[in-house]
């Protein structure tokens, strides 16, 4: 790993955000809009006196944590699209930059996006709805770390598919993560799913995180089991998907597909 090459690629993407109002708007506008909509929903449920066993308390928390996952995934996948759109893929991989260095730079980029978006959403939730995300306590850190890992996994998977099938698959950079939302149980408990689907959901790391969040807010307990399961599954899937990315990259390079993707 060459720190200079990683830093150079990271700087290239940071300059894009510094010089593009549309890209900066994407970081601030959509998270704020989501927060406003779901904030009004929680206020409506609260004023209506709807009894949802603590659901009103964790809707905003679930939204903020979901956005952590979404931004972590986008930080990896959209960074690849930026190289495609600028026809820069050939320049990158004709240089001494390695696949591992490329992945590390996109993962760091996702951390920066997650930090910016999550911090703003926490502030907005506190200012507009008096919702303190920090009341989750010490569990918040492993929750966020595991959701970032899950975002990387989905982002690297998305990038592999786009690399293999080209621009026709680029819509997955925004849509892939939503395929996992129903079984991640973001806004509802896992037991509402059919029994056969619950078995699948238990193998999805974000489901453990959102179940753990509800355990903290409703019962006030530290969800150690959920955190251990989420961490173990994330590490397993991350190793597997990075290995798959290397395989896909080598196949695309040998068949000359990387040139067509970049052009």
C-alpha atoms as a PDB file:
ATOM      1  CA  UNK A   1       0.000   0.000   0.000  1.00  0.00           C
ATOM      2  CA  UNK A   2       1.396   3.363  -1.054  1.00  0.00           C
ATOM      3  CA  UNK A   3       0.003   6.184   1.069  1.00  0.00           C
ATOM      4  CA  UNK A   4       0.923   8.773  -1.562  1.00  0.00           C
ATOM      5  CA  UNK A   5      -1.112   7.092  -4.295  1.00  0.00           C
ATOM      6  CA  UNK A   6      -4.081   6.601  -1.960  1.00  0.00           C
ATOM      7  CA  UNK A   7      -3.900  10.243  -0.898  1.00  0.00           C
ATOM      8  CA  UNK A   8      -3.615  11.398  -4.500  1.00  0.00           C
ATOM      9  CA  UNK A   9      -6.774   9.565  -5.581  1.00  0.00           C
ATOM     10  CA  UNK A  10      -8.590  10.771  -2.487  1.00  0.00           C
ATOM     11  CA  UNK A  11      -7.569  14.375  -3.226  1.00  0.00           C
ATOM     12  CA  UNK A  12      -8.874  13.992  -6.775  1.00  0.00           C
ATOM     13  CA  UNK A  13     -12.377  13.206  -5.451  1.00  0.00           C
ATOM     14  CA  UNK A  14     -12.273  15.880  -2.751  1.00  0.00           C
ATOM     15  CA  UNK A  15     -11.451  18.521  -5.366  1.00  0.00           C
ATOM     16  CA  UNK A  16     -14.561  17.459  -7.287  1.00  0.00           C
ATOM     17  CA  UNK A  17     -16.737  18.228  -4.274  1.00  0.00           C
ATOM     18  CA  UNK A  18     -15.000  21.521  -3.560  1.00  0.00           C
ATOM     19  CA  UNK A  19     -15.663  22.756  -7.079  1.00  0.00           C
ATOM     20  CA  UNK A  20     -19.161  21.359  -7.639  1.00  0.00           C
ATOM     21  CA  UNK A  21     -22.239  22.886  -6.018  1.00  0.00           C
ATOM     22  CA  UNK A  22     -24.392  19.965  -7.250  1.00  0.00           C
ATOM     23  CA  UNK A  23     -22.178  17.419  -5.468  1.00  0.00           C
ATOM     24  CA  UNK A  24     -22.217  19.423  -2.252  1.00  0.00           C
ATOM     25  CA  UNK A  25     -25.998  19.710  -2.534  1.00  0.00           C
ATOM     26  CA  UNK A  26     -26.241  15.928  -2.777  1.00  0.00           C
ATOM     27  CA  UNK A  27     -24.515  15.616   0.594  1.00  0.00           C
ATOM     28  CA  UNK A  28     -26.681  18.174   2.407  1.00  0.00           C
ATOM     29  CA  UNK A  29     -30.025  18.455   0.620  1.00  0.00           C
ATOM     30  CA  UNK A  30     -31.277  14.856   0.396  1.00  0.00           C
ATOM     31  CA  UNK A  31     -30.398  13.867   3.986  1.00  0.00           C
ATOM     32  CA  UNK A  32     -32.078  17.036   5.241  1.00  0.00           C
ATOM     33  CA  UNK A  33     -35.171  16.355   3.126  1.00  0.00           C
ATOM     34  CA  UNK A  34     -35.425  12.786   4.449  1.00  0.00           C
ATOM     35  CA  UNK A  35     -35.087  14.057   7.984  1.00  0.00           C
ATOM     36  CA  UNK A  36     -37.842  16.652   7.487  1.00  0.00           C
ATOM     37  CA  UNK A  37     -40.279  14.109   6.016  1.00  0.00           C
ATOM     38  CA  UNK A  38     -39.703  11.434   8.664  1.00  0.00           C
ATOM     39  CA  UNK A  39     -39.629  14.053  11.383  1.00  0.00           C
ATOM     40  CA  UNK A  40     -43.129  15.200  10.421  1.00  0.00           C
ATOM     41  CA  UNK A  41     -44.289  11.558  10.359  1.00  0.00           C
ATOM     42  CA  UNK A  42     -43.028  10.970  13.898  1.00  0.00           C
ATOM     43  CA  UNK A  43     -44.649  14.207  15.077  1.00  0.00           C
ATOM     44  CA  UNK A  44     -47.950  13.128  13.506  1.00  0.00           C
ATOM     45  CA  UNK A  45     -47.827   9.708  15.178  1.00  0.00           C
ATOM     46  CA  UNK A  46     -46.958  11.274  18.502  1.00  0.00           C
ATOM     47  CA  UNK A  47     -49.759  13.856  18.297  1.00  0.00           C
ATOM     48  CA  UNK A  48     -52.208  11.156  17.195  1.00  0.00           C
ATOM     49  CA  UNK A  49     -51.306   9.125  20.272  1.00  0.00           C
ATOM     50  CA  UNK A  50     -50.455   6.055  18.238  1.00  0.00           C
ATOM     51  CA  UNK A  51     -49.000   3.300  20.427  1.00  0.00           C
ATOM     52  CA  UNK A  52     -46.192   1.590  18.560  1.00  0.00           C
ATOM     53  CA  UNK A  53     -44.097   0.280  21.460  1.00  0.00           C
ATOM     54  CA  UNK A  54     -41.424   2.927  21.149  1.00  0.00           C
ATOM     55  CA  UNK A  55     -41.479   3.202  17.359  1.00  0.00           C
ATOM     56  CA  UNK A  56     -41.915   6.972  17.430  1.00  0.00           C
ATOM     57  CA  UNK A  57     -38.721   7.220  19.491  1.00  0.00           C
ATOM     58  CA  UNK A  58     -36.572   5.287  17.047  1.00  0.00           C
ATOM     59  CA  UNK A  59     -37.860   6.382  13.612  1.00  0.00           C
ATOM     60  CA  UNK A  60     -35.400   9.256  13.428  1.00  0.00           C
ATOM     61  CA  UNK A  61     -32.592   7.115  14.833  1.00  0.00           C
ATOM     62  CA  UNK A  62     -33.300   4.440  12.232  1.00  0.00           C
ATOM     63  CA  UNK A  63     -33.279   7.069   9.477  1.00  0.00           C
ATOM     64  CA  UNK A  64     -29.901   8.464  10.566  1.00  0.00           C
ATOM     65  CA  UNK A  65     -28.347   5.009  10.838  1.00  0.00           C
ATOM     66  CA  UNK A  66     -29.811   3.995   7.466  1.00  0.00           C
ATOM     67  CA  UNK A  67     -28.238   7.051   5.890  1.00  0.00           C
ATOM     68  CA  UNK A  68     -24.879   5.973   7.326  1.00  0.00           C
ATOM     69  CA  UNK A  69     -25.220   2.691   5.440  1.00  0.00           C
ATOM     70  CA  UNK A  70     -26.429   4.414   2.270  1.00  0.00           C
ATOM     71  CA  UNK A  71     -23.619   7.009   2.223  1.00  0.00           C
ATOM     72  CA  UNK A  72     -20.945   4.381   2.934  1.00  0.00           C
ATOM     73  CA  UNK A  73     -22.187   2.394  -0.056  1.00  0.00           C
ATOM     74  CA  UNK A  74     -22.343   5.456  -2.278  1.00  0.00           C
ATOM     75  CA  UNK A  75     -18.867   6.570  -1.295  1.00  0.00           C
ATOM     76  CA  UNK A  76     -17.478   3.412  -2.894  1.00  0.00           C
ATOM     77  CA  UNK A  77     -19.835   2.959  -5.851  1.00  0.00           C
ATOM     78  CA  UNK A  78     -20.176   6.580  -6.969  1.00  0.00           C
ATOM     79  CA  UNK A  79     -16.406   7.081  -6.802  1.00  0.00           C
ATOM     80  CA  UNK A  80     -16.109   4.381  -9.467  1.00  0.00           C
ATOM     81  CA  UNK A  81     -18.804   6.075 -11.551  1.00  0.00           C
ATOM     82  CA  UNK A  82     -16.897   9.351 -11.359  1.00  0.00           C
ATOM     83  CA  UNK A  83     -13.938   7.615 -13.008  1.00  0.00           C
ATOM     84  CA  UNK A  84     -16.218   6.122 -15.656  1.00  0.00           C
ATOM     85  CA  UNK A  85     -17.898   9.417 -16.475  1.00  0.00           C
ATOM     86  CA  UNK A  86     -14.563  11.216 -16.799  1.00  0.00           C
ATOM     87  CA  UNK A  87     -13.098   8.311 -18.838  1.00  0.00           C
ATOM     88  CA  UNK A  88     -10.297   8.053 -16.327  1.00  0.00           C
ATOM     89  CA  UNK A  89     -10.300   4.307 -15.609  1.00  0.00           C
ATOM     90  CA  UNK A  90      -7.557   3.530 -18.099  1.00  0.00           C
ATOM     91  CA  UNK A  91      -5.385   6.319 -16.738  1.00  0.00           C
ATOM     92  CA  UNK A  92      -5.826   5.018 -13.193  1.00  0.00           C
ATOM     93  CA  UNK A  93      -5.030   1.385 -13.807  1.00  0.00           C
ATOM     94  CA  UNK A  94      -2.272   2.109 -16.319  1.00  0.00           C
ATOM     95  CA  UNK A  95      -0.527   3.886 -13.436  1.00  0.00           C
ATOM     96  CA  UNK A  96       1.217   2.081 -10.548  1.00  0.00           C
ATOM     97  CA  UNK A  97      -2.040   2.312  -8.560  1.00  0.00           C
ATOM     98  CA  UNK A  98      -3.073  -1.128  -7.316  1.00  0.00           C
ATOM     99  CA  UNK A  99      -6.579  -2.476  -6.891  1.00  0.00           C
ATOM    100  CA  UNK A 100      -6.126  -2.539  -3.136  1.00  0.00           C
ATOM    101  CA  UNK A 101      -5.045   1.109  -3.050  1.00  0.00           C
ATOM    102  CA  UNK A 102      -8.036   2.059  -5.168  1.00  0.00           C
ATOM    103  CA  UNK A 103     -10.447   0.291  -2.810  1.00  0.00           C
ATOM    104  CA  UNK A 104      -8.852   1.848   0.268  1.00  0.00           C
ATOM    105  CA  UNK A 105      -9.143   5.358  -1.204  1.00  0.00           C
ATOM    106  CA  UNK A 106     -12.853   4.878  -2.000  1.00  0.00           C
ATOM    107  CA  UNK A 107     -13.479   3.489   1.482  1.00  0.00           C
ATOM    108  CA  UNK A 108     -11.812   6.511   3.051  1.00  0.00           C
ATOM    109  CA  UNK A 109     -13.944   8.708   0.821  1.00  0.00           C
ATOM    110  CA  UNK A 110     -17.045   6.944   2.107  1.00  0.00           C
ATOM    111  CA  UNK A 111     -15.957   7.569   5.705  1.00  0.00           C
ATOM    112  CA  UNK A 112     -15.664  11.286   4.981  1.00  0.00           C
ATOM    113  CA  UNK A 113     -19.156  11.354   3.419  1.00  0.00           C
ATOM    114  CA  UNK A 114     -20.637   9.403   6.312  1.00  0.00           C
ATOM    115  CA  UNK A 115     -19.014  11.709   8.868  1.00  0.00           C
ATOM    116  CA  UNK A 116     -20.302  14.856   7.150  1.00  0.00           C
ATOM    117  CA  UNK A 117     -23.842  13.600   6.528  1.00  0.00           C
ATOM    118  CA  UNK A 118     -24.374  11.828   9.879  1.00  0.00           C
ATOM    119  CA  UNK A 119     -23.068  14.809  11.864  1.00  0.00           C
ATOM    120  CA  UNK A 120     -25.389  17.200  10.055  1.00  0.00           C
ATOM    121  CA  UNK A 121     -28.403  14.917  10.439  1.00  0.00           C
ATOM    122  CA  UNK A 122     -27.765  14.552  14.175  1.00  0.00           C
ATOM    123  CA  UNK A 123     -27.568  18.324  14.536  1.00  0.00           C
ATOM    124  CA  UNK A 124     -30.714  18.896  12.449  1.00  0.00           C
ATOM    125  CA  UNK A 125     -32.615  16.212  14.415  1.00  0.00           C
ATOM    126  CA  UNK A 126     -31.664  17.895  17.678  1.00  0.00           C
ATOM    127  CA  UNK A 127     -32.419  21.457  16.493  1.00  0.00           C
ATOM    128  CA  UNK A 128     -35.748  20.790  14.751  1.00  0.00           C
ATOM    129  CA  UNK A 129     -37.142  17.813  16.683  1.00  0.00           C
ATOM    130  CA  UNK A 130     -35.228  17.821  19.999  1.00  0.00           C
ATOM    131  CA  UNK A 131     -34.064  14.302  19.168  1.00  0.00           C
ATOM    132  CA  UNK A 132     -30.742  13.359  20.725  1.00  0.00           C
ATOM    133  CA  UNK A 133     -29.108  10.538  18.781  1.00  0.00           C
ATOM    134  CA  UNK A 134     -26.455  10.210  21.480  1.00  0.00           C
ATOM    135  CA  UNK A 135     -29.006   8.745  23.874  1.00  0.00           C
ATOM    136  CA  UNK A 136     -28.265   5.403  22.228  1.00  0.00           C
ATOM    137  CA  UNK A 137     -25.059   5.588  24.252  1.00  0.00           C
ATOM    138  CA  UNK A 138     -21.892   3.581  23.757  1.00  0.00           C
ATOM    139  CA  UNK A 139     -23.689   1.242  21.352  1.00  0.00           C
ATOM    140  CA  UNK A 140     -23.726   4.038  18.762  1.00  0.00           C
ATOM    141  CA  UNK A 141     -20.057   3.562  17.846  1.00  0.00           C
ATOM    142  CA  UNK A 142     -20.231  -0.191  17.011  1.00  0.00           C
ATOM    143  CA  UNK A 143     -23.555   0.442  15.259  1.00  0.00           C
ATOM    144  CA  UNK A 144     -22.003   3.053  12.969  1.00  0.00           C
ATOM    145  CA  UNK A 145     -18.817   1.050  12.356  1.00  0.00           C
ATOM    146  CA  UNK A 146     -20.797  -2.030  11.362  1.00  0.00           C
ATOM    147  CA  UNK A 147     -23.083  -0.046   9.063  1.00  0.00           C
ATOM    148  CA  UNK A 148     -20.024   1.473   7.377  1.00  0.00           C
ATOM    149  CA  UNK A 149     -18.636  -2.048   6.839  1.00  0.00           C
ATOM    150  CA  UNK A 150     -21.984  -3.151   5.397  1.00  0.00           C
ATOM    151  CA  UNK A 151     -21.970  -0.127   3.101  1.00  0.00           C
ATOM    152  CA  UNK A 152     -18.498  -1.039   1.869  1.00  0.00           C
ATOM    153  CA  UNK A 153     -19.646  -4.585   1.138  1.00  0.00           C
ATOM    154  CA  UNK A 154     -22.627  -3.424  -0.911  1.00  0.00           C
ATOM    155  CA  UNK A 155     -20.534  -0.716  -2.579  1.00  0.00           C
ATOM    156  CA  UNK A 156     -17.777  -3.105  -3.662  1.00  0.00           C
ATOM    157  CA  UNK A 157     -20.414  -5.570  -4.904  1.00  0.00           C
ATOM    158  CA  UNK A 158     -22.077  -2.784  -6.897  1.00  0.00           C
ATOM    159  CA  UNK A 159     -18.750  -1.675  -8.355  1.00  0.00           C
ATOM    160  CA  UNK A 160     -17.961  -5.244  -9.418  1.00  0.00           C
ATOM    161  CA  UNK A 161     -21.264  -5.511 -11.266  1.00  0.00           C
ATOM    162  CA  UNK A 162     -20.812  -2.134 -12.982  1.00  0.00           C
ATOM    163  CA  UNK A 163     -17.259  -3.087 -13.968  1.00  0.00           C
ATOM    164  CA  UNK A 164     -18.518  -6.342 -15.462  1.00  0.00           C
ATOM    165  CA  UNK A 165     -21.622  -5.056 -17.282  1.00  0.00           C
ATOM    166  CA  UNK A 166     -20.717  -1.425 -17.966  1.00  0.00           C
ATOM    167  CA  UNK A 167     -22.845   1.705 -17.930  1.00  0.00           C
ATOM    168  CA  UNK A 168     -26.109  -0.200 -18.298  1.00  0.00           C
ATOM    169  CA  UNK A 169     -25.686  -1.283 -14.670  1.00  0.00           C
ATOM    170  CA  UNK A 170     -24.743   2.119 -13.229  1.00  0.00           C
ATOM    171  CA  UNK A 171     -28.253   2.655 -11.817  1.00  0.00           C
ATOM    172  CA  UNK A 172     -27.281   0.054  -9.195  1.00  0.00           C
ATOM    173  CA  UNK A 173     -25.014   2.634  -7.578  1.00  0.00           C
ATOM    174  CA  UNK A 174     -28.212   4.177  -6.153  1.00  0.00           C
ATOM    175  CA  UNK A 175     -30.565   1.202  -6.179  1.00  0.00           C
ATOM    176  CA  UNK A 176     -28.529  -1.772  -4.934  1.00  0.00           C
ATOM    177  CA  UNK A 177     -28.615  -0.794  -1.262  1.00  0.00           C
ATOM    178  CA  UNK A 178     -32.425  -0.590  -1.325  1.00  0.00           C
ATOM    179  CA  UNK A 179     -32.615  -4.266  -2.288  1.00  0.00           C
ATOM    180  CA  UNK A 180     -31.352  -4.980   1.230  1.00  0.00           C
ATOM    181  CA  UNK A 181     -33.654  -2.528   3.009  1.00  0.00           C
ATOM    182  CA  UNK A 182     -36.692  -4.849   3.420  1.00  0.00           C
ATOM    183  CA  UNK A 183     -34.628  -7.535   5.163  1.00  0.00           C
ATOM    184  CA  UNK A 184     -32.563  -5.010   7.120  1.00  0.00           C
ATOM    185  CA  UNK A 185     -35.673  -4.181   9.166  1.00  0.00           C
ATOM    186  CA  UNK A 186     -34.816  -0.488   9.313  1.00  0.00           C
ATOM    187  CA  UNK A 187     -38.197   0.879  10.447  1.00  0.00           C
ATOM    188  CA  UNK A 188     -39.903  -2.227  11.833  1.00  0.00           C
ATOM    189  CA  UNK A 189     -38.929  -5.204  14.029  1.00  0.00           C
ATOM    190  CA  UNK A 190     -37.712  -8.402  12.438  1.00  0.00           C
ATOM    191  CA  UNK A 191     -40.611 -10.475  13.766  1.00  0.00           C
ATOM    192  CA  UNK A 192     -43.054  -8.814  11.334  1.00  0.00           C
ATOM    193  CA  UNK A 193     -41.359 -10.643   8.451  1.00  0.00           C
ATOM    194  CA  UNK A 194     -42.554 -14.081   7.328  1.00  0.00           C
ATOM    195  CA  UNK A 195     -40.694 -16.873   9.098  1.00  0.00           C
ATOM    196  CA  UNK A 196     -38.792 -17.917   5.965  1.00  0.00           C
ATOM    197  CA  UNK A 197     -37.695 -14.335   5.371  1.00  0.00           C
ATOM    198  CA  UNK A 198     -36.598 -13.944   9.000  1.00  0.00           C
ATOM    199  CA  UNK A 199     -34.030 -16.688   8.452  1.00  0.00           C
ATOM    200  CA  UNK A 200     -32.554 -14.692   5.576  1.00  0.00           C
ATOM    201  CA  UNK A 201     -32.670 -11.430   7.523  1.00  0.00           C
ATOM    202  CA  UNK A 202     -30.617 -12.927  10.368  1.00  0.00           C
ATOM    203  CA  UNK A 203     -27.775 -13.367   7.869  1.00  0.00           C
ATOM    204  CA  UNK A 204     -27.843  -9.664   6.927  1.00  0.00           C
ATOM    205  CA  UNK A 205     -25.569  -7.597   9.221  1.00  0.00           C
ATOM    206  CA  UNK A 206     -27.684  -4.389   9.159  1.00  0.00           C
ATOM    207  CA  UNK A 207     -30.688  -6.322  10.509  1.00  0.00           C
ATOM    208  CA  UNK A 208     -28.710  -7.028  13.690  1.00  0.00           C
ATOM    209  CA  UNK A 209     -27.792  -3.354  13.988  1.00  0.00           C
ATOM    210  CA  UNK A 210     -31.346  -2.060  13.680  1.00  0.00           C
ATOM    211  CA  UNK A 211     -32.653  -4.757  15.996  1.00  0.00           C
ATOM    212  CA  UNK A 212     -29.919  -3.751  18.432  1.00  0.00           C
ATOM    213  CA  UNK A 213     -30.920  -0.093  18.151  1.00  0.00           C
ATOM    214  CA  UNK A 214     -34.495  -0.940  19.083  1.00  0.00           C
ATOM    215  CA  UNK A 215     -33.266  -3.011  22.013  1.00  0.00           C
ATOM    216  CA  UNK A 216     -31.326  -0.011  23.309  1.00  0.00           C
ATOM    217  CA  UNK A 217     -34.166   2.502  22.880  1.00  0.00           C
ATOM    218  CA  UNK A 218     -37.022   0.283  24.063  1.00  0.00           C
ATOM    219  CA  UNK A 219     -35.405  -1.927  26.713  1.00  0.00           C
ATOM    220  CA  UNK A 220     -32.268   0.066  27.542  1.00  0.00           C
ATOM    221  CA  UNK A 221     -29.973  -2.959  27.189  1.00  0.00           C
ATOM    222  CA  UNK A 222     -26.631  -3.307  25.416  1.00  0.00           C
ATOM    223  CA  UNK A 223     -27.218  -5.658  22.435  1.00  0.00           C
ATOM    224  CA  UNK A 224     -23.930  -7.549  22.714  1.00  0.00           C
ATOM    225  CA  UNK A 225     -25.180 -10.578  20.770  1.00  0.00           C
ATOM    226  CA  UNK A 226     -26.413  -8.459  17.869  1.00  0.00           C
ATOM    227  CA  UNK A 227     -23.134  -6.520  17.739  1.00  0.00           C
ATOM    228  CA  UNK A 228     -21.059  -9.721  17.722  1.00  0.00           C
ATOM    229  CA  UNK A 229     -23.186 -11.257  14.977  1.00  0.00           C
ATOM    230  CA  UNK A 230     -23.098  -8.099  12.856  1.00  0.00           C
ATOM    231  CA  UNK A 231     -19.318  -7.778  13.213  1.00  0.00           C
ATOM    232  CA  UNK A 232     -18.662 -11.422  12.380  1.00  0.00           C
ATOM    233  CA  UNK A 233     -20.938 -11.407   9.336  1.00  0.00           C
ATOM    234  CA  UNK A 234     -19.504  -8.112   8.099  1.00  0.00           C
ATOM    235  CA  UNK A 235     -15.912  -9.314   8.306  1.00  0.00           C
ATOM    236  CA  UNK A 236     -16.780 -12.560   6.519  1.00  0.00           C
ATOM    237  CA  UNK A 237     -18.705 -10.845   3.714  1.00  0.00           C
ATOM    238  CA  UNK A 238     -16.095  -8.075   3.352  1.00  0.00           C
ATOM    239  CA  UNK A 239     -13.260 -10.545   2.787  1.00  0.00           C
ATOM    240  CA  UNK A 240     -15.412 -12.533   0.350  1.00  0.00           C
ATOM    241  CA  UNK A 241     -16.558  -9.512  -1.668  1.00  0.00           C
ATOM    242  CA  UNK A 242     -13.067  -7.975  -1.894  1.00  0.00           C
ATOM    243  CA  UNK A 243     -11.774 -11.313  -3.193  1.00  0.00           C
ATOM    244  CA  UNK A 244     -14.630 -11.298  -5.720  1.00  0.00           C
ATOM    245  CA  UNK A 245     -13.717  -7.747  -6.768  1.00  0.00           C
ATOM    246  CA  UNK A 246     -10.126  -8.799  -7.446  1.00  0.00           C
ATOM    247  CA  UNK A 247     -11.399 -11.746  -9.495  1.00  0.00           C
ATOM    248  CA  UNK A 248     -13.790  -9.550 -11.486  1.00  0.00           C
ATOM    249  CA  UNK A 249     -11.084  -6.977 -12.124  1.00  0.00           C
ATOM    250  CA  UNK A 250      -8.665  -9.615 -13.439  1.00  0.00           C
ATOM    251  CA  UNK A 251     -11.337 -11.126 -15.704  1.00  0.00           C
ATOM    252  CA  UNK A 252     -12.281  -7.701 -17.100  1.00  0.00           C
ATOM    253  CA  UNK A 253      -8.623  -6.833 -17.659  1.00  0.00           C
ATOM    254  CA  UNK A 254      -7.835 -10.089 -19.467  1.00  0.00           C
ATOM    255  CA  UNK A 255     -10.884  -9.771 -21.740  1.00  0.00           C
ATOM    256  CA  UNK A 256     -10.338  -6.088 -22.442  1.00  0.00           C
ATOM    257  CA  UNK A 257     -13.658  -5.189 -20.848  1.00  0.00           C
ATOM    258  CA  UNK A 258     -12.083  -2.590 -18.604  1.00  0.00           C
ATOM    259  CA  UNK A 259     -11.249  -0.473 -21.641  1.00  0.00           C
ATOM    260  CA  UNK A 260     -14.845  -0.565 -22.864  1.00  0.00           C
ATOM    261  CA  UNK A 261     -16.196   0.298 -19.408  1.00  0.00           C
ATOM    262  CA  UNK A 262     -13.891   3.282 -19.206  1.00  0.00           C
ATOM    263  CA  UNK A 263     -14.705   4.486 -22.696  1.00  0.00           C
END
